[in-house]
Every structure is written in structure tokens, then in C-alpha cells.
Amino acid sequence: MALVGDTGNGATFTLTTQTAAASLKVDQIQIGEITLDMLDVSTLSSSDFKEMIASDLKNTPELTVSYVYSASATAVTVTGSVDTATVTFPVGASQTSTTGATFAGTGIVTSFKLPDLQNGNVMKGQIKFKFDGDTGPTYTRGS
């Protein structure tokens, strides 16, 4: 049986309107969880455990993008304006084409952190992007 598994090397993060994101030297992209809340429907006659039902709507994830600081890179701004974020996964060794999977949707840059400055450590910053649920987020598999 062939071994499966890939690393994230080659993955990219882009924002449609804030093209400054393309100048960042991204070293990690964390995609948060899509979750579904549970609603407590317990009554005074319930016993042992709370009685729960699923909520109607899912919670959107947050992207956390870490980058290696470069003085020549343009900073991403926190404006409250809606943007489209796209994470493109690297093409896997077993794929027969050059199209990687994508995870994309609309939302807002909620934070931009400049790096901490100290001796002996690479300067790294962070961006957080929260999907708004209006368009996506949608995962599209690679081919």
C-alpha cells in the first residue's frame, strides 16, 4: 500500500482587496474549526444529563496566519471592510494535476500583530481573519 500524507509546504494565503497579504512570508496557516452549538432543552423533569439538540446554524472558523517579518512588506490593515480570504493547499505528490485544494470565503481581518523584538529569535507576526458566513467558507478539493 502506498504511503499517504503531505506537508503544508507550498500553501498560500491571499486576500482579494488587501494585496499586501501577498507580500507576507507566511510560515504557518491555522484553519479553525467549523462548529455547531448545542442547545439545552432540559426541563425540570430531566434527570441524569442535560438534554441537548443541535442549533440551526454552524459557527464560522477563524484563520490565524503567522508570517516572518520583512521590513519591505506592506502591512495588512484592520479596517472592518469585507474581504475574501483564500487558502490554497499545496499540490500533493499523488495528485495528477497542478490544482491544489482551496478553502475560501468572505470575512474581516480582525487583527494584525507586528512581531515581538528580541535577541536570538526570528521576528514573526500574525494576522487573524474571521469568516462572516455570507459567502462560504467553502472547501474545494484539488484535482
N, C-alpha and C. Protein backbone atom coordinates (compact mmCIF):
# COMPACT_ATOMS: atom_id res chain seq x y z
N MET A 1 0.85 -1.18 0.00
CA MET A 1 0.00 0.00 0.00
C MET A 1 0.89 1.24 0.00
N ALA A 2 0.58 2.21 -0.84
CA ALA A 2 1.35 3.44 -0.92
C ALA A 2 1.12 4.30 0.31
N LEU A 3 2.17 4.97 0.74
CA LEU A 3 2.06 5.87 1.88
C LEU A 3 1.35 7.14 1.44
N VAL A 4 0.58 7.72 2.34
CA VAL A 4 -0.11 8.98 2.06
C VAL A 4 0.27 10.00 3.12
N GLY A 5 0.09 11.25 2.78
CA GLY A 5 0.39 12.33 3.71
C GLY A 5 1.26 13.37 3.03
N ASP A 6 1.05 14.60 3.36
CA ASP A 6 1.81 15.70 2.80
C ASP A 6 2.10 16.71 3.89
N THR A 7 3.00 17.63 3.60
CA THR A 7 3.26 18.75 4.49
C THR A 7 2.54 19.97 3.94
N GLY A 8 2.58 21.04 4.66
CA GLY A 8 1.95 22.27 4.20
C GLY A 8 2.85 23.13 3.32
N ASN A 9 4.05 22.64 3.03
CA ASN A 9 5.00 23.42 2.23
C ASN A 9 4.40 23.73 0.86
N GLY A 10 4.35 25.00 0.51
CA GLY A 10 3.77 25.42 -0.76
C GLY A 10 2.38 26.01 -0.63
N ALA A 11 1.79 25.94 0.57
CA ALA A 11 0.46 26.52 0.77
C ALA A 11 0.55 28.04 0.69
N THR A 12 -0.54 28.69 0.30
CA THR A 12 -0.56 30.15 0.21
C THR A 12 -1.81 30.72 0.88
N PHE A 13 -1.71 32.00 1.25
CA PHE A 13 -2.81 32.76 1.83
C PHE A 13 -2.92 34.06 1.06
N THR A 14 -4.13 34.38 0.57
CA THR A 14 -4.33 35.64 -0.14
C THR A 14 -5.61 36.31 0.34
N LEU A 15 -5.62 37.62 0.22
CA LEU A 15 -6.81 38.43 0.43
C LEU A 15 -7.10 39.14 -0.88
N THR A 16 -8.36 39.23 -1.27
CA THR A 16 -8.71 39.81 -2.57
C THR A 16 -8.44 41.31 -2.63
N THR A 17 -8.87 42.06 -1.63
CA THR A 17 -8.70 43.52 -1.71
C THR A 17 -7.41 44.01 -1.07
N GLN A 18 -6.93 43.31 -0.07
CA GLN A 18 -5.68 43.72 0.58
C GLN A 18 -4.53 42.92 -0.04
N THR A 19 -4.03 43.41 -1.12
CA THR A 19 -2.98 42.70 -1.84
C THR A 19 -1.67 42.66 -1.05
N ALA A 20 -1.57 43.43 0.02
CA ALA A 20 -0.39 43.40 0.87
C ALA A 20 -0.16 42.00 1.45
N ALA A 21 -1.21 41.23 1.60
CA ALA A 21 -1.07 39.88 2.15
C ALA A 21 -0.15 39.02 1.29
N ALA A 22 -0.12 39.30 -0.01
CA ALA A 22 0.72 38.51 -0.93
C ALA A 22 2.20 38.75 -0.68
N SER A 23 2.57 39.90 -0.08
CA SER A 23 3.98 40.19 0.17
C SER A 23 4.48 39.58 1.47
N LEU A 24 3.59 39.01 2.26
CA LEU A 24 4.00 38.41 3.53
C LEU A 24 4.68 37.07 3.30
N LYS A 25 5.68 36.78 4.10
CA LYS A 25 6.39 35.49 4.05
C LYS A 25 5.72 34.56 5.06
N VAL A 26 4.64 33.92 4.64
CA VAL A 26 3.82 33.10 5.53
C VAL A 26 4.57 31.84 5.92
N ASP A 27 4.58 31.52 7.21
CA ASP A 27 5.22 30.28 7.66
C ASP A 27 4.25 29.32 8.33
N GLN A 28 3.03 29.77 8.59
CA GLN A 28 2.02 28.85 9.17
C GLN A 28 0.63 29.42 8.93
N ILE A 29 -0.29 28.53 8.56
CA ILE A 29 -1.69 28.90 8.39
C ILE A 29 -2.51 27.93 9.24
N GLN A 30 -3.23 28.47 10.20
CA GLN A 30 -4.10 27.64 11.03
C GLN A 30 -5.54 27.92 10.65
N ILE A 31 -6.26 26.86 10.30
CA ILE A 31 -7.67 26.99 9.97
C ILE A 31 -8.46 26.49 11.18
N GLY A 32 -9.23 27.38 11.78
CA GLY A 32 -10.01 26.99 12.95
C GLY A 32 -11.12 26.01 12.61
N GLU A 33 -11.80 25.60 13.63
CA GLU A 33 -12.87 24.61 13.48
C GLU A 33 -14.18 25.25 13.04
N ILE A 34 -14.92 24.51 12.24
CA ILE A 34 -16.31 24.83 11.97
C ILE A 34 -17.09 24.07 13.03
N THR A 35 -17.85 24.78 13.82
CA THR A 35 -18.53 24.13 14.94
C THR A 35 -20.04 24.34 14.88
N LEU A 36 -20.74 23.52 15.62
CA LEU A 36 -22.19 23.60 15.73
C LEU A 36 -22.54 23.62 17.21
N ASP A 37 -23.20 24.66 17.66
CA ASP A 37 -23.59 24.75 19.07
C ASP A 37 -24.70 23.76 19.38
N MET A 38 -24.73 23.35 20.62
CA MET A 38 -25.80 22.50 21.13
C MET A 38 -26.67 23.35 22.06
N LEU A 39 -27.98 23.19 21.94
CA LEU A 39 -28.94 23.97 22.73
C LEU A 39 -29.53 23.11 23.83
N ASP A 40 -29.55 23.67 25.01
CA ASP A 40 -30.07 22.96 26.17
C ASP A 40 -31.60 23.01 26.14
N VAL A 41 -32.24 21.85 26.05
CA VAL A 41 -33.70 21.76 26.07
C VAL A 41 -34.19 20.99 27.30
N SER A 42 -33.33 20.95 28.32
CA SER A 42 -33.69 20.24 29.55
C SER A 42 -34.90 20.90 30.20
N THR A 43 -35.66 20.08 30.88
CA THR A 43 -36.81 20.58 31.63
C THR A 43 -36.63 20.22 33.10
N LEU A 44 -37.54 20.64 33.90
CA LEU A 44 -37.45 20.30 35.33
C LEU A 44 -37.63 18.81 35.57
N SER A 45 -38.15 18.08 34.60
CA SER A 45 -38.31 16.63 34.77
C SER A 45 -37.12 15.85 34.19
N SER A 46 -36.13 16.53 33.61
CA SER A 46 -34.94 15.85 33.08
C SER A 46 -34.14 15.28 34.24
N SER A 47 -33.49 14.15 34.00
CA SER A 47 -32.66 13.56 35.04
C SER A 47 -31.35 13.05 34.42
N ASP A 48 -30.34 12.92 35.21
CA ASP A 48 -29.01 12.43 34.83
C ASP A 48 -28.21 13.43 34.01
N PHE A 49 -28.67 13.74 32.80
CA PHE A 49 -27.91 14.60 31.90
C PHE A 49 -28.80 15.70 31.33
N LYS A 50 -28.15 16.78 30.90
CA LYS A 50 -28.87 17.79 30.15
C LYS A 50 -29.33 17.18 28.84
N GLU A 51 -30.48 17.62 28.36
CA GLU A 51 -30.97 17.17 27.07
C GLU A 51 -30.63 18.24 26.05
N MET A 52 -30.00 17.84 24.96
CA MET A 52 -29.45 18.80 24.00
C MET A 52 -29.93 18.51 22.58
N ILE A 53 -30.11 19.60 21.81
CA ILE A 53 -30.39 19.47 20.39
C ILE A 53 -29.41 20.36 19.63
N ALA A 54 -29.21 20.06 18.36
CA ALA A 54 -28.29 20.86 17.55
C ALA A 54 -28.91 22.20 17.18
N SER A 55 -28.09 23.22 17.15
CA SER A 55 -28.52 24.54 16.70
C SER A 55 -28.78 24.49 15.19
N ASP A 56 -29.41 25.51 14.67
CA ASP A 56 -29.73 25.56 13.25
C ASP A 56 -28.52 25.88 12.37
N LEU A 57 -27.60 26.71 12.87
CA LEU A 57 -26.52 27.24 12.05
C LEU A 57 -25.14 26.93 12.66
N LYS A 58 -24.16 26.74 11.78
CA LYS A 58 -22.79 26.48 12.21
C LYS A 58 -22.07 27.80 12.50
N ASN A 59 -21.02 27.71 13.31
CA ASN A 59 -20.14 28.84 13.57
C ASN A 59 -18.99 28.81 12.57
N THR A 60 -18.64 29.97 12.03
CA THR A 60 -17.55 30.03 11.06
C THR A 60 -16.20 29.98 11.77
N PRO A 61 -15.19 29.47 11.07
CA PRO A 61 -13.86 29.40 11.67
C PRO A 61 -13.10 30.71 11.54
N GLU A 62 -11.98 30.76 12.21
CA GLU A 62 -11.06 31.89 12.11
C GLU A 62 -9.75 31.37 11.53
N LEU A 63 -9.14 32.15 10.64
CA LEU A 63 -7.81 31.83 10.13
C LEU A 63 -6.80 32.58 10.97
N THR A 64 -5.73 31.90 11.35
CA THR A 64 -4.61 32.55 12.00
C THR A 64 -3.40 32.32 11.11
N VAL A 65 -2.85 33.40 10.61
CA VAL A 65 -1.74 33.33 9.66
C VAL A 65 -0.51 33.95 10.31
N SER A 66 0.53 33.15 10.48
CA SER A 66 1.80 33.64 11.02
C SER A 66 2.74 33.93 9.86
N TYR A 67 3.52 34.99 10.01
CA TYR A 67 4.44 35.37 8.94
C TYR A 67 5.79 35.78 9.51
N VAL A 68 6.83 35.59 8.70
CA VAL A 68 8.17 36.05 9.05
C VAL A 68 8.25 37.51 8.62
N TYR A 69 8.57 38.36 9.56
CA TYR A 69 8.59 39.80 9.32
C TYR A 69 9.64 40.19 8.29
N SER A 70 9.28 41.10 7.41
CA SER A 70 10.20 41.71 6.45
C SER A 70 9.89 43.20 6.42
N ALA A 71 10.91 44.02 6.59
CA ALA A 71 10.71 45.47 6.61
C ALA A 71 10.17 45.98 5.28
N SER A 72 10.37 45.23 4.20
CA SER A 72 9.90 45.68 2.89
C SER A 72 8.46 45.28 2.59
N ALA A 73 7.85 44.46 3.45
CA ALA A 73 6.47 44.03 3.22
C ALA A 73 5.50 45.13 3.64
N THR A 74 4.41 45.24 2.92
CA THR A 74 3.36 46.20 3.26
C THR A 74 2.45 45.57 4.31
N ALA A 75 2.08 46.34 5.31
CA ALA A 75 1.24 45.81 6.39
C ALA A 75 -0.20 45.62 5.94
N VAL A 76 -0.79 44.54 6.39
CA VAL A 76 -2.23 44.32 6.22
C VAL A 76 -2.92 45.22 7.24
N THR A 77 -4.06 45.79 6.88
CA THR A 77 -4.74 46.71 7.79
C THR A 77 -6.04 46.12 8.33
N VAL A 78 -6.41 46.56 9.51
CA VAL A 78 -7.66 46.17 10.14
C VAL A 78 -8.63 47.33 9.92
N THR A 79 -9.55 47.13 8.98
CA THR A 79 -10.45 48.23 8.59
C THR A 79 -11.92 47.95 8.86
N GLY A 80 -12.26 46.68 9.08
CA GLY A 80 -13.67 46.32 9.21
C GLY A 80 -14.33 46.08 7.87
N SER A 81 -13.59 46.26 6.78
CA SER A 81 -14.14 46.03 5.44
C SER A 81 -14.12 44.54 5.11
N VAL A 82 -15.14 44.10 4.40
CA VAL A 82 -15.23 42.70 4.00
C VAL A 82 -14.21 42.41 2.91
N ASP A 83 -13.57 41.29 3.04
CA ASP A 83 -12.56 40.84 2.07
C ASP A 83 -12.80 39.35 1.83
N THR A 84 -12.16 38.80 0.82
CA THR A 84 -12.22 37.36 0.57
C THR A 84 -10.85 36.76 0.84
N ALA A 85 -10.81 35.80 1.73
CA ALA A 85 -9.56 35.09 2.04
C ALA A 85 -9.57 33.76 1.31
N THR A 86 -8.42 33.40 0.77
CA THR A 86 -8.27 32.10 0.12
C THR A 86 -7.00 31.44 0.63
N VAL A 87 -7.15 30.23 1.13
CA VAL A 87 -6.01 29.39 1.48
C VAL A 87 -5.93 28.34 0.38
N THR A 88 -4.78 28.27 -0.27
CA THR A 88 -4.57 27.25 -1.30
C THR A 88 -3.60 26.23 -0.75
N PHE A 89 -4.05 24.99 -0.74
CA PHE A 89 -3.22 23.90 -0.23
C PHE A 89 -2.19 23.51 -1.27
N PRO A 90 -1.06 22.97 -0.83
CA PRO A 90 -0.07 22.52 -1.81
C PRO A 90 -0.59 21.32 -2.60
N VAL A 91 -0.08 21.18 -3.82
CA VAL A 91 -0.45 20.03 -4.64
C VAL A 91 0.24 18.80 -4.05
N GLY A 92 -0.53 17.77 -3.79
CA GLY A 92 0.01 16.55 -3.20
C GLY A 92 0.79 15.72 -4.20
N ALA A 93 1.71 14.94 -3.67
CA ALA A 93 2.55 14.10 -4.53
C ALA A 93 1.74 13.12 -5.36
N SER A 94 0.57 12.69 -4.83
CA SER A 94 -0.24 11.71 -5.55
C SER A 94 -1.23 12.34 -6.52
N GLN A 95 -1.30 13.69 -6.56
CA GLN A 95 -2.22 14.36 -7.47
C GLN A 95 -1.67 14.33 -8.90
N THR A 96 -2.58 14.24 -9.85
CA THR A 96 -2.17 14.15 -11.25
C THR A 96 -2.24 15.49 -11.97
N SER A 97 -2.65 16.55 -11.29
CA SER A 97 -2.70 17.87 -11.91
C SER A 97 -1.97 18.87 -11.02
N THR A 98 -2.04 20.12 -11.36
CA THR A 98 -1.36 21.16 -10.58
C THR A 98 -2.33 22.02 -9.80
N THR A 99 -3.54 21.54 -9.56
CA THR A 99 -4.55 22.31 -8.85
C THR A 99 -4.66 21.83 -7.40
N GLY A 100 -4.27 22.69 -6.47
CA GLY A 100 -4.39 22.36 -5.05
C GLY A 100 -5.78 22.66 -4.54
N ALA A 101 -6.13 22.05 -3.43
CA ALA A 101 -7.41 22.32 -2.79
C ALA A 101 -7.43 23.77 -2.28
N THR A 102 -8.63 24.33 -2.14
CA THR A 102 -8.75 25.68 -1.60
C THR A 102 -9.78 25.71 -0.48
N PHE A 103 -9.63 26.69 0.39
CA PHE A 103 -10.58 26.99 1.45
C PHE A 103 -10.77 28.50 1.38
N ALA A 104 -11.96 28.95 1.02
CA ALA A 104 -12.14 30.38 0.77
C ALA A 104 -13.51 30.86 1.22
N GLY A 105 -13.58 32.14 1.52
CA GLY A 105 -14.84 32.77 1.88
C GLY A 105 -14.63 34.22 2.27
N THR A 106 -15.74 34.92 2.47
CA THR A 106 -15.66 36.32 2.86
C THR A 106 -15.60 36.47 4.37
N GLY A 107 -15.04 37.58 4.78
CA GLY A 107 -14.93 37.86 6.21
C GLY A 107 -14.14 39.15 6.42
N ILE A 108 -13.59 39.27 7.61
CA ILE A 108 -12.92 40.51 8.01
C ILE A 108 -11.61 40.20 8.71
N VAL A 109 -10.57 40.99 8.38
CA VAL A 109 -9.32 40.92 9.13
C VAL A 109 -9.62 41.51 10.51
N THR A 110 -9.49 40.69 11.54
CA THR A 110 -9.84 41.14 12.89
C THR A 110 -8.63 41.57 13.71
N SER A 111 -7.43 41.16 13.28
CA SER A 111 -6.23 41.62 13.98
C SER A 111 -5.00 41.48 13.10
N PHE A 112 -4.06 42.37 13.32
CA PHE A 112 -2.76 42.35 12.66
C PHE A 112 -1.73 42.64 13.73
N LYS A 113 -0.84 41.68 13.96
CA LYS A 113 0.17 41.84 15.01
C LYS A 113 1.55 41.94 14.40
N LEU A 114 2.23 43.01 14.74
CA LEU A 114 3.64 43.12 14.36
C LEU A 114 4.45 42.19 15.25
N PRO A 115 5.68 41.87 14.85
CA PRO A 115 6.46 40.90 15.62
C PRO A 115 6.96 41.44 16.96
N ASP A 116 7.24 40.51 17.86
CA ASP A 116 7.94 40.84 19.09
C ASP A 116 9.42 40.99 18.73
N LEU A 117 10.11 41.90 19.39
CA LEU A 117 11.51 42.17 19.08
C LEU A 117 12.39 41.71 20.23
N GLN A 118 13.25 40.73 19.93
CA GLN A 118 14.16 40.23 20.96
C GLN A 118 15.35 39.55 20.31
N ASN A 119 16.44 39.48 21.04
CA ASN A 119 17.64 38.82 20.53
C ASN A 119 17.42 37.33 20.38
N GLY A 120 18.04 36.75 19.37
CA GLY A 120 18.07 35.30 19.23
C GLY A 120 16.81 34.67 18.69
N ASN A 121 15.83 35.45 18.24
CA ASN A 121 14.59 34.90 17.71
C ASN A 121 14.23 35.58 16.39
N VAL A 122 13.68 34.81 15.49
CA VAL A 122 13.20 35.36 14.23
C VAL A 122 11.95 36.19 14.52
N MET A 123 11.87 37.36 13.91
CA MET A 123 10.71 38.22 14.11
C MET A 123 9.53 37.67 13.32
N LYS A 124 8.45 37.34 14.04
CA LYS A 124 7.24 36.81 13.40
C LYS A 124 6.03 37.57 13.88
N GLY A 125 5.12 37.82 12.95
CA GLY A 125 3.87 38.49 13.27
C GLY A 125 2.69 37.58 12.98
N GLN A 126 1.50 38.14 13.09
CA GLN A 126 0.30 37.31 12.94
C GLN A 126 -0.89 38.14 12.43
N ILE A 127 -1.69 37.49 11.61
CA ILE A 127 -2.95 38.07 11.12
C ILE A 127 -4.07 37.13 11.54
N LYS A 128 -5.20 37.68 11.93
CA LYS A 128 -6.40 36.86 12.17
C LYS A 128 -7.50 37.34 11.25
N PHE A 129 -8.18 36.38 10.65
CA PHE A 129 -9.26 36.66 9.70
C PHE A 129 -10.45 35.81 10.12
N LYS A 130 -11.59 36.44 10.36
CA LYS A 130 -12.81 35.74 10.76
C LYS A 130 -13.77 35.69 9.59
N PHE A 131 -14.14 34.47 9.17
CA PHE A 131 -15.13 34.33 8.11
C PHE A 131 -16.48 34.83 8.61
N ASP A 132 -17.23 35.51 7.73
CA ASP A 132 -18.51 36.09 8.14
C ASP A 132 -19.72 35.22 7.81
N GLY A 133 -19.53 34.15 7.04
CA GLY A 133 -20.65 33.26 6.72
C GLY A 133 -21.50 33.73 5.56
N ASP A 134 -21.22 34.91 5.01
CA ASP A 134 -22.01 35.42 3.89
C ASP A 134 -21.72 34.61 2.62
N THR A 135 -20.44 34.50 2.29
CA THR A 135 -20.01 33.65 1.17
C THR A 135 -19.00 32.65 1.73
N GLY A 136 -19.45 31.43 1.91
CA GLY A 136 -18.57 30.41 2.46
C GLY A 136 -18.39 30.59 3.95
N PRO A 137 -17.36 29.98 4.47
CA PRO A 137 -16.22 29.41 3.77
C PRO A 137 -16.55 28.06 3.11
N THR A 138 -15.85 27.82 2.02
CA THR A 138 -16.07 26.60 1.25
C THR A 138 -14.74 25.91 0.99
N TYR A 139 -14.72 24.62 1.21
CA TYR A 139 -13.55 23.81 0.88
C TYR A 139 -13.79 23.19 -0.50
N THR A 140 -12.83 23.37 -1.39
CA THR A 140 -12.90 22.76 -2.72
C THR A 140 -11.68 21.88 -2.87
N ARG A 141 -11.90 20.62 -3.11
CA ARG A 141 -10.78 19.69 -3.17
C ARG A 141 -9.96 19.92 -4.44
N GLY A 142 -8.69 19.56 -4.36
CA GLY A 142 -7.82 19.68 -5.52
C GLY A 142 -8.10 18.57 -6.51
N SER A 143 -7.53 18.71 -7.69
CA SER A 143 -7.74 17.68 -8.70
C SER A 143 -6.42 17.10 -9.16
